[in-house]
Every structure is written in C-alpha cells, then in structure tokens.
C-alpha cells in the first residue's frame, strides 16, 4: 500500500476517463486502488457485452393480425365521440348561461360575423364577376384543370388496393 491516502472514487474514475492525473499515478502504486480499477474495467467490459435482444421478425405481422382480428366496435367509438361532444357542449353552454358578459360578447361576435360574411360574399362574387368578364376562358380552363386533376387524384387513391399486412 502507498503512504498517500487513496483518492475519492469519483476523482479516480474521472481521471481514468481522462487518461491522466495524480489519482491514476496513485492507483499505479496502490494495490487496493489497482484492484478496484481492474474490477471496474471487468464490470464495464461485461456491460458492453450485454445487448438488447432484437424482437422476432414476425412481431409486426403478428401484432397487425391481432389488431385486424379484434377491431374496436364502431358503435363504441360513436358513443364515446358523442359523449365527448355532449360534455363539451354542456360545459360551454353552462359557462355561457352563468356568465352574462360572455353571452353578450358571443351574441355581438355572431352578429358582426354575419354582417361581415355578407360583405365578404358580395365582394367575392364581385371579384369573380370582374375576373370572369376580363379573362373568362382562362378562368374556365384553370377551374376545369383543377377539378379534373383533383378527381383523377381521388380516383387513383380510391383505386389502389389497401396495403397487406406484410407491407405494413
């Protein structure tokens, strides 16, 4: 054993990671510290050998097959969604009925949105009329192109077969 006291373990392992320092010099002379560092090295080596096992290759296929076998009944989903909707509407209505200021603000906002919507729709029709009267053929071609490409895209989406379990 060396005449100097053994360093703290944190200092020893920090210097071990750095690769140099007085605690490592001490461990070279002290049998207890050298044995401790050897135990640490062996433990670290054993930990590096451990590896998480990979799941079996058929895991995804098996899980997807079980999910396909037992889907949640649609009735349950509808009732759950309806319960959530009714609860939120009830809470919102309760808030409005208990708070006069909120009810007044909601009425004012609704009235202004109706008035603003009317003006917006009139402006939209006026702009469409002006656009049509100045560039009618170009607008008609653009609208037809947009509609046909949208329909073609939807047809391709609907026409493709659903993915099989092995593709998922």
C-alpha atoms as a PDB file:
ATOM      1  CA  UNK A   1       0.000   0.000   0.000  1.00  0.00           C
ATOM      2  CA  UNK A   2       1.241   3.534  -0.716  1.00  0.00           C
ATOM      3  CA  UNK A   3       1.807   6.104   2.049  1.00  0.00           C
ATOM      4  CA  UNK A   4      -0.614   8.665   0.476  1.00  0.00           C
ATOM      5  CA  UNK A   5      -4.321   8.307   1.230  1.00  0.00           C
ATOM      6  CA  UNK A   6      -6.492   6.787  -1.502  1.00  0.00           C
ATOM      7  CA  UNK A   7      -8.361   9.332  -3.651  1.00  0.00           C
ATOM      8  CA  UNK A   8     -12.108   9.634  -3.803  1.00  0.00           C
ATOM      9  CA  UNK A   9     -13.712   7.183  -6.267  1.00  0.00           C
ATOM     10  CA  UNK A  10     -15.280   9.975  -8.327  1.00  0.00           C
ATOM     11  CA  UNK A  11     -11.885  11.614  -8.798  1.00  0.00           C
ATOM     12  CA  UNK A  12     -10.279   8.279  -9.632  1.00  0.00           C
ATOM     13  CA  UNK A  13     -12.898   7.385 -12.271  1.00  0.00           C
ATOM     14  CA  UNK A  14     -12.886  10.920 -13.733  1.00  0.00           C
ATOM     15  CA  UNK A  15      -9.119  10.725 -14.170  1.00  0.00           C
ATOM     16  CA  UNK A  16      -9.457   7.203 -15.549  1.00  0.00           C
ATOM     17  CA  UNK A  17     -11.795   8.574 -18.209  1.00  0.00           C
ATOM     18  CA  UNK A  18      -9.433  11.493 -18.919  1.00  0.00           C
ATOM     19  CA  UNK A  19      -6.439   9.142 -19.035  1.00  0.00           C
ATOM     20  CA  UNK A  20      -4.140  11.087 -16.727  1.00  0.00           C
ATOM     21  CA  UNK A  21      -3.903  12.651 -13.274  1.00  0.00           C
ATOM     22  CA  UNK A  22      -2.418  12.196  -9.792  1.00  0.00           C
ATOM     23  CA  UNK A  23      -5.127   9.709  -8.752  1.00  0.00           C
ATOM     24  CA  UNK A  24      -4.038   7.401 -11.603  1.00  0.00           C
ATOM     25  CA  UNK A  25      -0.426   7.732 -10.516  1.00  0.00           C
ATOM     26  CA  UNK A  26      -1.521   6.754  -7.015  1.00  0.00           C
ATOM     27  CA  UNK A  27      -3.513   3.758  -8.370  1.00  0.00           C
ATOM     28  CA  UNK A  28      -0.392   2.511 -10.165  1.00  0.00           C
ATOM     29  CA  UNK A  29       1.340   2.205  -6.775  1.00  0.00           C
ATOM     30  CA  UNK A  30      -1.624   1.225  -4.539  1.00  0.00           C
ATOM     31  CA  UNK A  31      -2.795  -2.392  -4.720  1.00  0.00           C
ATOM     32  CA  UNK A  32      -6.321  -1.617  -3.414  1.00  0.00           C
ATOM     33  CA  UNK A  33      -6.920   1.123  -5.973  1.00  0.00           C
ATOM     34  CA  UNK A  34      -5.450  -1.022  -8.766  1.00  0.00           C
ATOM     35  CA  UNK A  35      -7.780  -3.897  -7.798  1.00  0.00           C
ATOM     36  CA  UNK A  36     -10.733  -1.507  -7.722  1.00  0.00           C
ATOM     37  CA  UNK A  37      -9.870  -0.169 -11.177  1.00  0.00           C
ATOM     38  CA  UNK A  38      -9.493  -3.740 -12.505  1.00  0.00           C
ATOM     39  CA  UNK A  39     -12.925  -4.650 -11.083  1.00  0.00           C
ATOM     40  CA  UNK A  40     -14.363  -1.533 -12.734  1.00  0.00           C
ATOM     41  CA  UNK A  41     -12.759  -2.444 -16.061  1.00  0.00           C
ATOM     42  CA  UNK A  42     -14.147  -6.005 -15.914  1.00  0.00           C
ATOM     43  CA  UNK A  43     -17.622  -4.741 -14.982  1.00  0.00           C
ATOM     44  CA  UNK A  44     -17.547  -2.236 -17.813  1.00  0.00           C
ATOM     45  CA  UNK A  45     -16.441  -4.976 -20.211  1.00  0.00           C
ATOM     46  CA  UNK A  46     -19.322  -7.217 -19.086  1.00  0.00           C
ATOM     47  CA  UNK A  47     -21.818  -4.385 -19.508  1.00  0.00           C
ATOM     48  CA  UNK A  48     -20.636  -3.686 -23.045  1.00  0.00           C
ATOM     49  CA  UNK A  49     -21.177  -7.348 -23.929  1.00  0.00           C
ATOM     50  CA  UNK A  50     -24.820  -7.166 -22.939  1.00  0.00           C
ATOM     51  CA  UNK A  51     -27.157  -6.223 -25.762  1.00  0.00           C
ATOM     52  CA  UNK A  52     -30.875  -5.854 -26.030  1.00  0.00           C
ATOM     53  CA  UNK A  53     -32.319  -8.782 -27.919  1.00  0.00           C
ATOM     54  CA  UNK A  54     -33.993  -7.930 -31.193  1.00  0.00           C
ATOM     55  CA  UNK A  55     -37.707  -8.665 -31.467  1.00  0.00           C
ATOM     56  CA  UNK A  56     -38.657 -11.608 -33.648  1.00  0.00           C
ATOM     57  CA  UNK A  57     -39.052 -10.752 -37.342  1.00  0.00           C
ATOM     58  CA  UNK A  58     -42.716 -11.744 -37.293  1.00  0.00           C
ATOM     59  CA  UNK A  59     -43.628  -9.336 -34.460  1.00  0.00           C
ATOM     60  CA  UNK A  60     -45.190  -6.648 -36.665  1.00  0.00           C
ATOM     61  CA  UNK A  61     -47.156  -9.154 -38.719  1.00  0.00           C
ATOM     62  CA  UNK A  62     -48.457 -10.896 -35.581  1.00  0.00           C
ATOM     63  CA  UNK A  63     -49.464  -7.633 -33.924  1.00  0.00           C
ATOM     64  CA  UNK A  64     -51.204  -6.358 -37.041  1.00  0.00           C
ATOM     65  CA  UNK A  65     -53.060  -9.645 -37.443  1.00  0.00           C
ATOM     66  CA  UNK A  66     -54.310  -9.467 -33.850  1.00  0.00           C
ATOM     67  CA  UNK A  67     -55.395  -5.859 -34.341  1.00  0.00           C
ATOM     68  CA  UNK A  68     -57.264  -6.796 -37.513  1.00  0.00           C
ATOM     69  CA  UNK A  69     -58.980  -9.693 -35.738  1.00  0.00           C
ATOM     70  CA  UNK A  70     -60.382  -7.595 -32.923  1.00  0.00           C
ATOM     71  CA  UNK A  71     -61.227  -4.071 -34.049  1.00  0.00           C
ATOM     72  CA  UNK A  72     -62.988  -1.717 -31.676  1.00  0.00           C
ATOM     73  CA  UNK A  73     -66.717  -1.797 -32.406  1.00  0.00           C
ATOM     74  CA  UNK A  74     -67.754   1.270 -34.343  1.00  0.00           C
ATOM     75  CA  UNK A  75     -70.741   1.690 -32.056  1.00  0.00           C
ATOM     76  CA  UNK A  76     -68.407   2.186 -29.090  1.00  0.00           C
ATOM     77  CA  UNK A  77     -66.407   4.815 -30.975  1.00  0.00           C
ATOM     78  CA  UNK A  78     -69.573   6.683 -31.950  1.00  0.00           C
ATOM     79  CA  UNK A  79     -70.909   6.653 -28.377  1.00  0.00           C
ATOM     80  CA  UNK A  80     -67.549   7.794 -26.996  1.00  0.00           C
ATOM     81  CA  UNK A  81     -67.356  10.643 -29.512  1.00  0.00           C
ATOM     82  CA  UNK A  82     -70.955  11.610 -28.794  1.00  0.00           C
ATOM     83  CA  UNK A  83     -70.284  11.630 -25.042  1.00  0.00           C
ATOM     84  CA  UNK A  84     -67.250  13.879 -25.536  1.00  0.00           C
ATOM     85  CA  UNK A  85     -69.224  16.215 -27.806  1.00  0.00           C
ATOM     86  CA  UNK A  86     -72.190  16.471 -25.439  1.00  0.00           C
ATOM     87  CA  UNK A  87     -69.935  17.032 -22.437  1.00  0.00           C
ATOM     88  CA  UNK A  88     -68.062  19.859 -24.169  1.00  0.00           C
ATOM     89  CA  UNK A  89     -71.292  21.444 -25.388  1.00  0.00           C
ATOM     90  CA  UNK A  90     -72.774  21.184 -21.897  1.00  0.00           C
ATOM     91  CA  UNK A  91     -69.742  22.801 -20.285  1.00  0.00           C
ATOM     92  CA  UNK A  92     -69.684  25.581 -22.893  1.00  0.00           C
ATOM     93  CA  UNK A  93     -73.415  26.213 -22.593  1.00  0.00           C
ATOM     94  CA  UNK A  94     -73.168  26.187 -18.810  1.00  0.00           C
ATOM     95  CA  UNK A  95     -70.393  28.770 -18.974  1.00  0.00           C
ATOM     96  CA  UNK A  96     -72.407  30.982 -21.316  1.00  0.00           C
ATOM     97  CA  UNK A  97     -75.556  30.775 -19.210  1.00  0.00           C
ATOM     98  CA  UNK A  98     -73.758  31.573 -15.967  1.00  0.00           C
ATOM     99  CA  UNK A  99     -71.744  34.464 -17.401  1.00  0.00           C
ATOM    100  CA  UNK A 100     -73.805  37.344 -18.830  1.00  0.00           C
ATOM    101  CA  UNK A 101     -70.780  39.134 -20.236  1.00  0.00           C
ATOM    102  CA  UNK A 102     -69.683  36.037 -22.216  1.00  0.00           C
ATOM    103  CA  UNK A 103     -73.210  35.583 -23.596  1.00  0.00           C
ATOM    104  CA  UNK A 104     -73.336  39.233 -24.682  1.00  0.00           C
ATOM    105  CA  UNK A 105     -69.921  39.019 -26.330  1.00  0.00           C
ATOM    106  CA  UNK A 106     -70.906  35.842 -28.140  1.00  0.00           C
ATOM    107  CA  UNK A 107     -74.094  37.477 -29.482  1.00  0.00           C
ATOM    108  CA  UNK A 108     -72.183  40.556 -30.613  1.00  0.00           C
ATOM    109  CA  UNK A 109     -69.481  38.450 -32.278  1.00  0.00           C
ATOM    110  CA  UNK A 110     -72.082  36.323 -34.049  1.00  0.00           C
ATOM    111  CA  UNK A 111     -73.945  39.382 -35.352  1.00  0.00           C
ATOM    112  CA  UNK A 112     -70.753  41.043 -36.591  1.00  0.00           C
ATOM    113  CA  UNK A 113     -69.613  37.806 -38.275  1.00  0.00           C
ATOM    114  CA  UNK A 114     -72.970  37.523 -40.091  1.00  0.00           C
ATOM    115  CA  UNK A 115     -72.665  41.125 -41.279  1.00  0.00           C
ATOM    116  CA  UNK A 116     -69.022  40.605 -42.241  1.00  0.00           C
ATOM    117  CA  UNK A 117     -69.810  37.351 -44.037  1.00  0.00           C
ATOM    118  CA  UNK A 118     -72.445  39.067 -46.138  1.00  0.00           C
ATOM    119  CA  UNK A 119     -69.960  41.754 -47.185  1.00  0.00           C
ATOM    120  CA  UNK A 120     -67.289  39.111 -47.861  1.00  0.00           C
ATOM    121  CA  UNK A 121     -69.594  37.034 -50.072  1.00  0.00           C
ATOM    122  CA  UNK A 122     -70.703  40.111 -52.020  1.00  0.00           C
ATOM    123  CA  UNK A 123     -67.056  41.089 -52.546  1.00  0.00           C
ATOM    124  CA  UNK A 124     -66.180  37.558 -53.605  1.00  0.00           C
ATOM    125  CA  UNK A 125     -68.970  37.482 -56.183  1.00  0.00           C
ATOM    126  CA  UNK A 126     -67.991  40.944 -57.419  1.00  0.00           C
ATOM    127  CA  UNK A 127     -64.367  39.843 -57.836  1.00  0.00           C
ATOM    128  CA  UNK A 128     -65.392  36.624 -59.580  1.00  0.00           C
ATOM    129  CA  UNK A 129     -67.615  38.619 -61.947  1.00  0.00           C
ATOM    130  CA  UNK A 130     -64.778  41.027 -62.740  1.00  0.00           C
ATOM    131  CA  UNK A 131     -62.361  38.157 -63.278  1.00  0.00           C
ATOM    132  CA  UNK A 132     -64.798  36.294 -65.486  1.00  0.00           C
ATOM    133  CA  UNK A 133     -65.598  39.331 -67.592  1.00  0.00           C
ATOM    134  CA  UNK A 134     -61.911  40.064 -68.229  1.00  0.00           C
ATOM    135  CA  UNK A 135     -60.422  36.562 -68.559  1.00  0.00           C
ATOM    136  CA  UNK A 136     -63.331  34.138 -68.830  1.00  0.00           C
ATOM    137  CA  UNK A 137     -61.677  31.461 -70.953  1.00  0.00           C
ATOM    138  CA  UNK A 138     -58.516  31.361 -68.859  1.00  0.00           C
ATOM    139  CA  UNK A 139     -60.514  31.099 -65.640  1.00  0.00           C
ATOM    140  CA  UNK A 140     -62.713  28.341 -67.060  1.00  0.00           C
ATOM    141  CA  UNK A 141     -59.650  26.370 -68.206  1.00  0.00           C
ATOM    142  CA  UNK A 142     -57.964  26.770 -64.816  1.00  0.00           C
ATOM    143  CA  UNK A 143     -61.080  25.642 -62.948  1.00  0.00           C
ATOM    144  CA  UNK A 144     -61.531  22.650 -65.260  1.00  0.00           C
ATOM    145  CA  UNK A 145     -57.878  21.683 -64.867  1.00  0.00           C
ATOM    146  CA  UNK A 146     -58.120  21.925 -61.072  1.00  0.00           C
ATOM    147  CA  UNK A 147     -61.310  19.861 -60.919  1.00  0.00           C
ATOM    148  CA  UNK A 148     -60.051  17.153 -63.267  1.00  0.00           C
ATOM    149  CA  UNK A 149     -56.679  16.770 -61.550  1.00  0.00           C
ATOM    150  CA  UNK A 150     -58.423  16.566 -58.173  1.00  0.00           C
ATOM    151  CA  UNK A 151     -60.819  13.923 -59.452  1.00  0.00           C
ATOM    152  CA  UNK A 152     -58.008  11.967 -61.083  1.00  0.00           C
ATOM    153  CA  UNK A 153     -56.013  12.053 -57.849  1.00  0.00           C
ATOM    154  CA  UNK A 154     -59.012  10.856 -55.845  1.00  0.00           C
ATOM    155  CA  UNK A 155     -59.654   8.086 -58.349  1.00  0.00           C
ATOM    156  CA  UNK A 156     -56.065   6.903 -58.006  1.00  0.00           C
ATOM    157  CA  UNK A 157     -56.316   6.980 -54.223  1.00  0.00           C
ATOM    158  CA  UNK A 158     -59.564   5.021 -54.174  1.00  0.00           C
ATOM    159  CA  UNK A 159     -58.483   2.640 -56.925  1.00  0.00           C
ATOM    160  CA  UNK A 160     -55.328   1.498 -55.162  1.00  0.00           C
ATOM    161  CA  UNK A 161     -55.739  -1.685 -53.106  1.00  0.00           C
ATOM    162  CA  UNK A 162     -55.258  -1.429 -49.349  1.00  0.00           C
ATOM    163  CA  UNK A 163     -51.805  -2.432 -48.068  1.00  0.00           C
ATOM    164  CA  UNK A 164     -51.454  -6.023 -46.952  1.00  0.00           C
ATOM    165  CA  UNK A 165     -50.208  -6.999 -43.506  1.00  0.00           C
ATOM    166  CA  UNK A 166     -46.763  -7.823 -44.824  1.00  0.00           C
ATOM    167  CA  UNK A 167     -46.389  -4.300 -46.308  1.00  0.00           C
ATOM    168  CA  UNK A 168     -47.390  -2.577 -43.069  1.00  0.00           C
END
